[in-house]
Amino acid sequence: MKTIAALALAALAATSTVALAHSNDAREAEQNDWIEAGRQNGTITWREGIKLRREQREISRIEDSMKSDGRLSRDERRTLHKLQDGAQNRIVRESSDGWRRAWWLPRFGR
């Protein structure tokens, strides 16, 4: 009976770790999509887009360095979550700050 419970607990832990890793990647991809959508509709300027993308790359670099031992601890996951929360808040703030690309200017850059 104890063996079955231990196996079930191990399976649950493994699936939740995979789900958390996927959610970090999915969240990063979603935020990159938000930045690109803001660039497309003009609510995020070229310079704002550069700063926001740089922040996303930095978070990804930090995540890679945290994963260098092969896993993320609870504190590391919490740190990454807080970094992603801050990045999301900045994306929302930049897209609603009133700075817009002039309608007659072409969109350039990435």
Protein backbone atom coordinates (compact mmCIF):
# COMPACT_ATOMS: atom_id res chain seq x y z
CA MET A 1 0.00 0.00 0.00
CA LYS A 2 2.83 2.40 0.87
CA THR A 3 4.54 1.63 -2.43
CA ILE A 4 1.43 2.56 -4.43
CA ALA A 5 1.04 5.81 -2.49
CA ALA A 6 4.72 6.66 -3.03
CA LEU A 7 4.45 5.96 -6.76
CA ALA A 8 1.31 8.07 -7.03
CA LEU A 9 2.98 10.92 -5.18
CA ALA A 10 6.07 10.70 -7.41
CA ALA A 11 3.90 10.73 -10.55
CA LEU A 12 1.97 13.74 -9.27
CA ALA A 13 5.20 15.62 -8.49
CA ALA A 14 6.63 14.84 -11.93
CA THR A 15 3.53 16.00 -13.78
CA SER A 16 3.25 19.20 -11.73
CA THR A 17 6.92 20.02 -12.43
CA VAL A 18 6.38 19.53 -16.15
CA ALA A 19 3.22 21.65 -15.98
CA LEU A 20 5.08 24.45 -14.20
CA ALA A 21 7.91 24.39 -16.73
CA HIS A 22 5.40 24.51 -19.54
CA SER A 23 3.48 27.33 -17.89
CA ASN A 24 6.66 29.44 -17.63
CA ASP A 25 7.39 28.86 -21.32
CA ALA A 26 3.77 29.46 -22.25
CA ARG A 27 3.65 32.65 -20.20
CA GLU A 28 6.82 33.94 -21.83
CA ALA A 29 5.43 33.18 -25.28
CA GLU A 30 2.14 34.86 -24.37
CA GLN A 31 3.95 37.99 -23.20
CA ASN A 32 6.00 38.08 -26.40
CA ASP A 33 2.74 37.85 -28.34
CA TRP A 34 1.33 40.77 -26.32
CA ILE A 35 4.40 42.86 -27.12
CA GLU A 36 4.11 42.06 -30.82
CA ALA A 37 0.37 42.81 -30.83
CA GLY A 38 1.08 46.16 -29.19
CA ARG A 39 3.71 46.88 -31.81
CA GLN A 40 1.27 45.95 -34.58
CA ASN A 41 -1.54 48.19 -33.37
CA GLY A 42 0.77 51.03 -32.32
CA THR A 43 0.13 51.04 -28.56
CA ILE A 44 3.73 49.98 -27.90
CA THR A 45 6.35 52.16 -29.52
CA TRP A 46 9.54 50.88 -31.09
CA ARG A 47 11.68 51.85 -28.08
CA GLU A 48 9.20 50.39 -25.61
CA GLY A 49 9.20 47.16 -27.60
CA ILE A 50 12.98 46.99 -27.47
CA LYS A 51 12.99 47.43 -23.68
CA LEU A 52 10.21 44.89 -23.14
CA ARG A 53 11.88 42.28 -25.37
CA ARG A 54 15.20 42.85 -23.61
CA GLU A 55 13.46 42.20 -20.30
CA GLN A 56 11.99 38.95 -21.64
CA ARG A 57 15.44 37.81 -22.82
CA GLU A 58 16.89 38.64 -19.41
CA ILE A 59 14.20 36.59 -17.64
CA SER A 60 14.88 33.70 -20.01
CA ARG A 61 18.62 33.96 -19.30
CA ILE A 62 17.96 33.95 -15.55
CA GLU A 63 15.70 30.92 -15.92
CA ASP A 64 18.38 29.08 -17.89
CA SER A 65 20.98 29.80 -15.22
CA MET A 66 18.57 28.62 -12.50
CA LYS A 67 17.98 25.40 -14.44
CA SER A 68 21.72 24.72 -14.74
CA ASP A 69 21.46 22.07 -12.01
CA GLY A 70 18.62 20.37 -13.88
CA ARG A 71 15.66 21.57 -11.85
CA LEU A 72 14.00 24.60 -10.33
CA SER A 73 13.54 24.85 -6.59
CA ARG A 74 10.42 26.34 -5.08
CA ASP A 75 12.23 29.62 -4.37
CA GLU A 76 13.56 29.76 -7.94
CA ARG A 77 10.07 29.18 -9.34
CA ARG A 78 8.73 31.89 -7.05
CA THR A 79 11.46 34.30 -8.22
CA LEU A 80 10.71 33.57 -11.87
CA HIS A 81 7.00 34.03 -11.26
CA LYS A 82 7.64 37.44 -9.66
CA LEU A 83 9.88 38.46 -12.56
CA GLN A 84 7.17 37.45 -15.05
CA ASP A 85 4.54 39.32 -13.02
CA GLY A 86 6.67 42.47 -13.15
CA ALA A 87 7.25 42.07 -16.88
CA GLN A 88 3.52 41.60 -17.47
CA ASN A 89 2.74 44.74 -15.47
CA ARG A 90 5.26 46.73 -17.53
CA ILE A 91 3.76 45.43 -20.80
CA VAL A 92 0.30 46.53 -19.69
CA ARG A 93 1.63 49.89 -18.47
CA GLU A 94 3.55 50.57 -21.69
CA SER A 95 0.61 49.65 -23.88
CA SER A 96 -1.70 52.02 -22.01
CA ASP A 97 0.65 54.93 -21.26
CA GLY A 98 -0.61 57.11 -24.10
CA TRP A 99 2.55 56.95 -26.19
CA ARG A 100 1.57 55.71 -29.62
CA ARG A 101 3.14 55.45 -32.99
CA ALA A 102 1.74 58.20 -35.20
CA TRP A 103 -0.82 56.73 -37.58
CA TRP A 104 0.97 58.14 -40.60
CA LEU A 105 4.38 56.68 -39.66
CA PRO A 106 5.16 53.22 -40.95
CA ARG A 107 5.88 50.48 -38.45
CA PHE A 108 9.56 49.60 -38.58
CA GLY A 109 11.85 47.40 -36.56
CA ARG A 110 10.93 44.32 -34.70
